[in-house]
Amino acid sequence: MKILLVDDHPLFIDGLQALLEAGEMTVVGTARDGAAAVAAVREHRPDAVLMDIQMPGCDGLTATRLIKTEFPEIKIVILTMNDDDQSLFEAMKSGASGYLLKNLETTELLELLAGLPKGETAFSPGLAERLLQEFVPGKGSQPAGASANGDCARKSLTLRQEKILTLIAGGLTYKQVAELLGVSARTVRFHMNEILERLHLENRTQAIAYASQANLAAGTNKAQ
């Protein structure tokens, strides 16, 4: 996957580039502000852009809208310190494919980015639920696409699938879940696809929101 990095802090962007390249991702270019990001996208045609929000001149949200208008196929993931709802909601309205906080562990970042070509969204733990609460009709009920009867939908899951969903909703990556359960990351991903199908959900974001609403996410980081 070819990635463009956009951030106005040189030390951060250099460190991030080293981490991504160590994780076998290709950084095709960098930019220090939104205007430079648009120009760099035109030049390099990356698969994905990691975009900061607060930058001089053209900010990251404006740049996201400009890029998505011209190149709707490019995935843009916000990578920022801002965890306020307004920035999160505006990023999604602008066409972003995810919203990550800079306090992520390296393994979490790499795994979330690896899901982009598969159509998965990339959210730091807890942000997906906040997003769905804002955008899904009937806030506080069920995510779009979920079965009308949550109990029946939940009963369609096997015990292993419910365990995996609980751990994912608790903020663990596929790799961490695999290590905890003694299986491969590919097996965890297979079970997640089965979970989405059985719950009539579209993506991992909706599955995490479903788990939270079904009280599956409580205390998951301590699950064994």
C-alpha atoms as a PDB file:
ATOM      1  CA  MET A   1       0.000   0.000   0.000  1.00  0.00           C
ATOM      2  CA  LYS A   2       1.345   3.405  -1.030  1.00  0.00           C
ATOM      3  CA  ILE A   3       0.893   6.050   1.668  1.00  0.00           C
ATOM      4  CA  LEU A   4       1.276   9.831   1.733  1.00  0.00           C
ATOM      5  CA  LEU A   5       2.053  11.436   5.112  1.00  0.00           C
ATOM      6  CA  VAL A   6       0.768  14.939   5.914  1.00  0.00           C
ATOM      7  CA  ASP A   7       1.888  16.669   9.130  1.00  0.00           C
ATOM      8  CA  ASP A   8       3.632  19.942   9.937  1.00  0.00           C
ATOM      9  CA  HIS A   9       6.023  18.445  12.511  1.00  0.00           C
ATOM     10  CA  PRO A  10       9.194  17.172  10.756  1.00  0.00           C
ATOM     11  CA  LEU A  11      10.384  14.929  13.601  1.00  0.00           C
ATOM     12  CA  PHE A  12       6.995  13.241  13.887  1.00  0.00           C
ATOM     13  CA  ILE A  13       6.671  12.653  10.170  1.00  0.00           C
ATOM     14  CA  ASP A  14      10.214  11.244   9.939  1.00  0.00           C
ATOM     15  CA  GLY A  15       9.531   8.837  12.802  1.00  0.00           C
ATOM     16  CA  LEU A  16       6.185   7.795  11.348  1.00  0.00           C
ATOM     17  CA  GLN A  17       7.755   7.139   7.962  1.00  0.00           C
ATOM     18  CA  ALA A  18      10.373   4.891   9.568  1.00  0.00           C
ATOM     19  CA  LEU A  19       7.677   2.933  11.455  1.00  0.00           C
ATOM     20  CA  LEU A  20       5.532   2.401   8.363  1.00  0.00           C
ATOM     21  CA  GLU A  21       8.430   1.339   6.194  1.00  0.00           C
ATOM     22  CA  ALA A  22       9.562  -1.088   8.894  1.00  0.00           C
ATOM     23  CA  GLY A  23       6.017  -2.482   8.706  1.00  0.00           C
ATOM     24  CA  GLU A  24       6.488  -3.103   4.956  1.00  0.00           C
ATOM     25  CA  MET A  25       4.375  -0.160   3.809  1.00  0.00           C
ATOM     26  CA  THR A  26       5.566   2.266   1.149  1.00  0.00           C
ATOM     27  CA  VAL A  27       5.666   5.983   1.919  1.00  0.00           C
ATOM     28  CA  VAL A  28       5.540   7.713  -1.478  1.00  0.00           C
ATOM     29  CA  GLY A  29       5.788  11.272  -0.174  1.00  0.00           C
ATOM     30  CA  THR A  30       5.231  13.761   2.623  1.00  0.00           C
ATOM     31  CA  ALA A  31       3.616  17.183   2.921  1.00  0.00           C
ATOM     32  CA  ARG A  32       3.621  19.878   5.603  1.00  0.00           C
ATOM     33  CA  ASP A  33       0.176  21.458   4.984  1.00  0.00           C
ATOM     34  CA  GLY A  34      -3.114  20.820   3.213  1.00  0.00           C
ATOM     35  CA  ALA A  35      -2.266  22.634  -0.001  1.00  0.00           C
ATOM     36  CA  ALA A  36       0.972  20.681  -0.343  1.00  0.00           C
ATOM     37  CA  ALA A  37      -0.979  17.492   0.397  1.00  0.00           C
ATOM     38  CA  VAL A  38      -3.331  18.079  -2.543  1.00  0.00           C
ATOM     39  CA  ALA A  39      -0.360  18.689  -4.833  1.00  0.00           C
ATOM     40  CA  ALA A  40       1.426  15.585  -3.531  1.00  0.00           C
ATOM     41  CA  VAL A  41      -1.651  13.425  -4.108  1.00  0.00           C
ATOM     42  CA  ARG A  42      -1.796  14.603  -7.717  1.00  0.00           C
ATOM     43  CA  GLU A  43       1.861  13.738  -8.151  1.00  0.00           C
ATOM     44  CA  HIS A  44       2.102  10.411  -6.335  1.00  0.00           C
ATOM     45  CA  ARG A  45      -1.476   9.009  -6.509  1.00  0.00           C
ATOM     46  CA  PRO A  46      -1.192   7.152  -3.170  1.00  0.00           C
ATOM     47  CA  ASP A  47      -3.598   4.462  -2.015  1.00  0.00           C
ATOM     48  CA  ALA A  48      -4.031   6.190   1.345  1.00  0.00           C
ATOM     49  CA  VAL A  49      -3.210   9.467   3.073  1.00  0.00           C
ATOM     50  CA  LEU A  50      -2.467   9.900   6.772  1.00  0.00           C
ATOM     51  CA  MET A  51      -3.629  13.458   7.467  1.00  0.00           C
ATOM     52  CA  ASP A  52      -3.120  15.725  10.468  1.00  0.00           C
ATOM     53  CA  ILE A  53      -5.842  18.303  11.178  1.00  0.00           C
ATOM     54  CA  GLN A  54      -4.160  21.397  12.566  1.00  0.00           C
ATOM     55  CA  MET A  55      -1.662  22.726  10.047  1.00  0.00           C
ATOM     56  CA  PRO A  56      -0.793  26.223   8.810  1.00  0.00           C
ATOM     57  CA  GLY A  57      -2.641  27.565   5.798  1.00  0.00           C
ATOM     58  CA  CYS A  58      -4.921  24.839   4.469  1.00  0.00           C
ATOM     59  CA  ASP A  59      -5.931  22.534   7.346  1.00  0.00           C
ATOM     60  CA  GLY A  60      -6.366  18.785   7.152  1.00  0.00           C
ATOM     61  CA  LEU A  61     -10.161  18.725   6.941  1.00  0.00           C
ATOM     62  CA  THR A  62     -10.197  21.187   4.049  1.00  0.00           C
ATOM     63  CA  ALA A  63      -7.500  19.155   2.297  1.00  0.00           C
ATOM     64  CA  THR A  64      -9.519  15.979   2.857  1.00  0.00           C
ATOM     65  CA  ARG A  65     -12.556  17.485   1.138  1.00  0.00           C
ATOM     66  CA  LEU A  66     -10.466  18.717  -1.789  1.00  0.00           C
ATOM     67  CA  ILE A  67      -8.735  15.371  -2.268  1.00  0.00           C
ATOM     68  CA  LYS A  68     -11.920  13.304  -2.003  1.00  0.00           C
ATOM     69  CA  THR A  69     -13.642  15.539  -4.542  1.00  0.00           C
ATOM     70  CA  GLU A  70     -10.878  14.986  -7.082  1.00  0.00           C
ATOM     71  CA  PHE A  71      -9.826  11.454  -6.087  1.00  0.00           C
ATOM     72  CA  PRO A  72     -12.767   9.732  -4.345  1.00  0.00           C
ATOM     73  CA  GLU A  73     -11.016   6.345  -4.465  1.00  0.00           C
ATOM     74  CA  ILE A  74      -8.144   7.441  -2.216  1.00  0.00           C
ATOM     75  CA  LYS A  75      -8.497   6.497   1.456  1.00  0.00           C
ATOM     76  CA  ILE A  76      -7.820   9.349   3.877  1.00  0.00           C
ATOM     77  CA  VAL A  77      -7.277   8.607   7.550  1.00  0.00           C
ATOM     78  CA  ILE A  78      -7.006  11.434  10.043  1.00  0.00           C
ATOM     79  CA  LEU A  79      -4.055  11.025  12.438  1.00  0.00           C
ATOM     80  CA  THR A  80      -4.265  13.642  15.168  1.00  0.00           C
ATOM     81  CA  MET A  81      -4.179  14.505  18.858  1.00  0.00           C
ATOM     82  CA  ASN A  82      -7.695  16.001  18.636  1.00  0.00           C
ATOM     83  CA  ASP A  83     -10.230  13.632  20.181  1.00  0.00           C
ATOM     84  CA  ASP A  84     -13.175  16.059  20.331  1.00  0.00           C
ATOM     85  CA  ASP A  85     -16.472  15.061  18.742  1.00  0.00           C
ATOM     86  CA  GLN A  86     -16.652  18.035  16.394  1.00  0.00           C
ATOM     87  CA  SER A  87     -13.345  17.179  14.698  1.00  0.00           C
ATOM     88  CA  LEU A  88     -14.334  13.507  14.495  1.00  0.00           C
ATOM     89  CA  PHE A  89     -17.739  14.228  12.949  1.00  0.00           C
ATOM     90  CA  GLU A  90     -16.370  16.819  10.512  1.00  0.00           C
ATOM     91  CA  ALA A  91     -13.682  14.402   9.368  1.00  0.00           C
ATOM     92  CA  MET A  92     -16.273  11.761   8.523  1.00  0.00           C
ATOM     93  CA  LYS A  93     -18.482  14.292   6.763  1.00  0.00           C
ATOM     94  CA  SER A  94     -15.441  15.327   4.740  1.00  0.00           C
ATOM     95  CA  GLY A  95     -15.007  11.779   3.460  1.00  0.00           C
ATOM     96  CA  ALA A  96     -12.327  10.367   5.750  1.00  0.00           C
ATOM     97  CA  SER A  97     -12.050   6.575   6.017  1.00  0.00           C
ATOM     98  CA  GLY A  98     -10.926   6.656   9.633  1.00  0.00           C
ATOM     99  CA  TYR A  99      -9.823   8.698  12.606  1.00  0.00           C
ATOM    100  CA  LEU A 100      -6.777   7.692  14.625  1.00  0.00           C
ATOM    101  CA  LEU A 101      -5.208   9.299  17.671  1.00  0.00           C
ATOM    102  CA  LYS A 102      -1.448   9.701  17.886  1.00  0.00           C
ATOM    103  CA  ASN A 103      -1.284   7.729  21.129  1.00  0.00           C
ATOM    104  CA  LEU A 104      -1.842   4.440  19.268  1.00  0.00           C
ATOM    105  CA  GLU A 105       0.640   1.616  19.633  1.00  0.00           C
ATOM    106  CA  THR A 106       2.637   0.885  16.479  1.00  0.00           C
ATOM    107  CA  THR A 107       1.094  -2.578  16.070  1.00  0.00           C
ATOM    108  CA  GLU A 108      -2.406  -1.106  16.308  1.00  0.00           C
ATOM    109  CA  LEU A 109      -1.644   1.520  13.690  1.00  0.00           C
ATOM    110  CA  LEU A 110      -0.187  -0.983  11.239  1.00  0.00           C
ATOM    111  CA  GLU A 111      -3.075  -3.403  11.617  1.00  0.00           C
ATOM    112  CA  LEU A 112      -5.731  -0.718  11.203  1.00  0.00           C
ATOM    113  CA  LEU A 113      -4.034   0.616   8.083  1.00  0.00           C
ATOM    114  CA  ALA A 114      -3.719  -2.909   6.675  1.00  0.00           C
ATOM    115  CA  GLY A 115      -7.506  -3.180   6.738  1.00  0.00           C
ATOM    116  CA  LEU A 116      -8.058  -0.183   4.440  1.00  0.00           C
ATOM    117  CA  PRO A 117      -7.639  -2.067   1.122  1.00  0.00           C
ATOM    118  CA  LYS A 118     -10.245  -4.549   2.358  1.00  0.00           C
ATOM    119  CA  GLY A 119     -12.779  -1.755   2.832  1.00  0.00           C
ATOM    120  CA  GLU A 120     -12.404  -1.576   6.608  1.00  0.00           C
ATOM    121  CA  THR A 121     -12.469   1.709   8.461  1.00  0.00           C
ATOM    122  CA  ALA A 122      -9.715   2.744  10.884  1.00  0.00           C
ATOM    123  CA  PHE A 123     -10.728   4.108  14.273  1.00  0.00           C
ATOM    124  CA  SER A 124      -8.972   4.414  17.608  1.00  0.00           C
ATOM    125  CA  PRO A 125     -10.778   2.444  20.356  1.00  0.00           C
ATOM    126  CA  GLY A 126     -14.005   4.140  21.458  1.00  0.00           C
ATOM    127  CA  LEU A 127     -14.299   6.554  18.533  1.00  0.00           C
ATOM    128  CA  ALA A 128     -16.419   4.317  16.313  1.00  0.00           C
ATOM    129  CA  GLU A 129     -19.187   4.130  18.888  1.00  0.00           C
ATOM    130  CA  ARG A 130     -19.214   7.925  19.294  1.00  0.00           C
ATOM    131  CA  LEU A 131     -19.476   8.293  15.553  1.00  0.00           C
ATOM    132  CA  LEU A 132     -22.358   5.878  15.191  1.00  0.00           C
ATOM    133  CA  GLN A 133     -24.237   7.512  18.056  1.00  0.00           C
ATOM    134  CA  GLU A 134     -24.142  10.731  16.042  1.00  0.00           C
ATOM    135  CA  PHE A 135     -24.947   9.468  12.566  1.00  0.00           C
ATOM    136  CA  VAL A 136     -27.136   6.383  12.972  1.00  0.00           C
ATOM    137  CA  PRO A 137     -30.897   7.123  13.075  1.00  0.00           C
ATOM    138  CA  GLY A 138     -32.392   6.422  16.483  1.00  0.00           C
ATOM    139  CA  LYS A 139     -29.305   7.187  18.595  1.00  0.00           C
ATOM    140  CA  GLY A 140     -28.718   4.768  21.400  1.00  0.00           C
ATOM    141  CA  SER A 141     -30.549   1.974  19.626  1.00  0.00           C
ATOM    142  CA  GLN A 142     -28.874  -0.365  17.131  1.00  0.00           C
ATOM    143  CA  PRO A 143     -26.376   0.311  14.375  1.00  0.00           C
ATOM    144  CA  ALA A 144     -27.667   0.525  10.819  1.00  0.00           C
ATOM    145  CA  GLY A 145     -28.129  -2.916   9.304  1.00  0.00           C
ATOM    146  CA  ALA A 146     -28.381  -4.749  12.607  1.00  0.00           C
ATOM    147  CA  SER A 147     -31.140  -7.244  13.158  1.00  0.00           C
ATOM    148  CA  ALA A 148     -34.287  -5.806  14.709  1.00  0.00           C
ATOM    149  CA  ASN A 149     -34.026  -8.324  17.505  1.00  0.00           C
ATOM    150  CA  GLY A 150     -30.598  -7.938  19.124  1.00  0.00           C
ATOM    151  CA  ASP A 151     -30.974 -10.976  21.377  1.00  0.00           C
ATOM    152  CA  CYS A 152     -31.772 -13.260  18.457  1.00  0.00           C
ATOM    153  CA  ALA A 153     -28.863 -11.866  16.461  1.00  0.00           C
ATOM    154  CA  ARG A 154     -26.502 -12.423  19.363  1.00  0.00           C
ATOM    155  CA  LYS A 155     -27.658 -16.014  19.783  1.00  0.00           C
ATOM    156  CA  SER A 156     -26.597 -16.699  16.186  1.00  0.00           C
ATOM    157  CA  LEU A 157     -22.954 -16.247  17.217  1.00  0.00           C
ATOM    158  CA  THR A 158     -20.848 -19.125  18.470  1.00  0.00           C
ATOM    159  CA  LEU A 159     -19.111 -18.781  21.839  1.00  0.00           C
ATOM    160  CA  ARG A 160     -15.779 -18.272  20.045  1.00  0.00           C
ATOM    161  CA  GLN A 161     -17.269 -15.554  17.824  1.00  0.00           C
ATOM    162  CA  GLU A 162     -18.807 -13.762  20.797  1.00  0.00           C
ATOM    163  CA  LYS A 163     -15.442 -13.889  22.566  1.00  0.00           C
ATOM    164  CA  ILE A 164     -13.661 -12.443  19.531  1.00  0.00           C
ATOM    165  CA  LEU A 165     -16.238  -9.679  19.151  1.00  0.00           C
ATOM    166  CA  THR A 166     -15.893  -8.850  22.843  1.00  0.00           C
ATOM    167  CA  LEU A 167     -12.117  -8.542  22.577  1.00  0.00           C
ATOM    168  CA  ILE A 168     -12.213  -6.486  19.377  1.00  0.00           C
ATOM    169  CA  ALA A 169     -14.780  -4.142  20.913  1.00  0.00           C
ATOM    170  CA  GLY A 170     -12.485  -3.765  23.907  1.00  0.00           C
ATOM    171  CA  GLY A 171      -9.826  -2.222  21.686  1.00  0.00           C
ATOM    172  CA  LEU A 172      -7.620  -5.214  20.866  1.00  0.00           C
ATOM    173  CA  THR A 173      -6.207  -5.662  17.381  1.00  0.00           C
ATOM    174  CA  TYR A 174      -6.682  -8.851  15.356  1.00  0.00           C
ATOM    175  CA  LYS A 175      -3.103  -9.820  16.134  1.00  0.00           C
ATOM    176  CA  GLN A 176      -3.582  -9.303  19.879  1.00  0.00           C
ATOM    177  CA  VAL A 177      -6.804 -11.340  19.848  1.00  0.00           C
ATOM    178  CA  ALA A 178      -5.057 -14.104  17.921  1.00  0.00           C
ATOM    179  CA  GLU A 179      -2.219 -14.262  20.447  1.00  0.00           C
ATOM    180  CA  LEU A 180      -4.668 -14.278  23.351  1.00  0.00           C
ATOM    181  CA  LEU A 181      -6.755 -17.109  21.910  1.00  0.00           C
ATOM    182  CA  GLY A 182      -3.864 -19.097  20.437  1.00  0.00           C
ATOM    183  CA  VAL A 183      -5.038 -18.848  16.827  1.00  0.00           C
ATOM    184  CA  SER A 184      -3.811 -17.028  13.715  1.00  0.00           C
ATOM    185  CA  ALA A 185      -4.753 -13.458  12.823  1.00  0.00           C
ATOM    186  CA  ARG A 186      -6.273 -14.869   9.630  1.00  0.00           C
ATOM    187  CA  THR A 187      -8.600 -17.034  11.733  1.00  0.00           C
ATOM    188  CA  VAL A 188      -9.688 -14.009  13.750  1.00  0.00           C
ATOM    189  CA  ARG A 189     -10.375 -12.075  10.553  1.00  0.00           C
ATOM    190  CA  PHE A 190     -12.400 -15.025   9.207  1.00  0.00           C
ATOM    191  CA  HIS A 191     -14.521 -15.085  12.359  1.00  0.00           C
ATOM    192  CA  MET A 192     -15.062 -11.319  12.142  1.00  0.00           C
ATOM    193  CA  ASN A 193     -16.393 -11.719   8.603  1.00  0.00           C
ATOM    194  CA  GLU A 194     -18.747 -14.413   9.869  1.00  0.00           C
ATOM    195  CA  ILE A 195     -19.854 -12.133  12.721  1.00  0.00           C
ATOM    196  CA  LEU A 196     -20.668  -9.332  10.293  1.00  0.00           C
ATOM    197  CA  GLU A 197     -22.712 -11.689   8.141  1.00  0.00           C
ATOM    198  CA  ARG A 198     -24.637 -13.206  11.035  1.00  0.00           C
ATOM    199  CA  LEU A 199     -25.413  -9.826  12.602  1.00  0.00           C
ATOM    200  CA  HIS A 200     -26.249  -8.262   9.227  1.00  0.00           C
ATOM    201  CA  LEU A 201     -23.632  -5.551   9.708  1.00  0.00           C
ATOM    202  CA  GLU A 202     -21.427  -3.905   7.099  1.00  0.00           C
ATOM    203  CA  ASN A 203     -18.078  -3.353   8.817  1.00  0.00           C
ATOM    204  CA  ARG A 204     -16.046  -3.618  12.012  1.00  0.00           C
ATOM    205  CA  THR A 205     -17.146  -0.143  13.110  1.00  0.00           C
ATOM    206  CA  GLN A 206     -20.764  -1.263  13.265  1.00  0.00           C
ATOM    207  CA  ALA A 207     -19.760  -4.504  14.991  1.00  0.00           C
ATOM    208  CA  ILE A 208     -17.944  -2.563  17.734  1.00  0.00           C
ATOM    209  CA  ALA A 209     -20.979  -0.334  18.229  1.00  0.00           C
ATOM    210  CA  TYR A 210     -23.241  -3.406  18.377  1.00  0.00           C
ATOM    211  CA  ALA A 211     -21.005  -5.027  20.978  1.00  0.00           C
ATOM    212  CA  SER A 212     -21.061  -1.923  23.143  1.00  0.00           C
ATOM    213  CA  GLN A 213     -24.840  -1.672  22.964  1.00  0.00           C
ATOM    214  CA  ALA A 214     -25.131  -5.394  23.770  1.00  0.00           C
ATOM    215  CA  ASN A 215     -22.840  -4.895  26.809  1.00  0.00           C
ATOM    216  CA  LEU A 216     -20.197  -7.161  25.307  1.00  0.00           C
ATOM    217  CA  ALA A 217     -17.396  -4.603  25.542  1.00  0.00           C
ATOM    218  CA  ALA A 218     -17.351  -4.059  29.301  1.00  0.00           C
ATOM    219  CA  GLY A 219     -14.077  -5.078  30.903  1.00  0.00           C
ATOM    220  CA  THR A 220     -12.754  -6.684  27.728  1.00  0.00           C
ATOM    221  CA  ASN A 221      -9.172  -5.528  28.168  1.00  0.00           C
ATOM    222  CA  LYS A 222      -8.970  -7.828  31.168  1.00  0.00           C
ATOM    223  CA  ALA A 223     -10.543 -10.770  29.417  1.00  0.00           C
ATOM    224  CA  GLN A 224      -8.500 -13.920  29.341  1.00  0.00           C
END
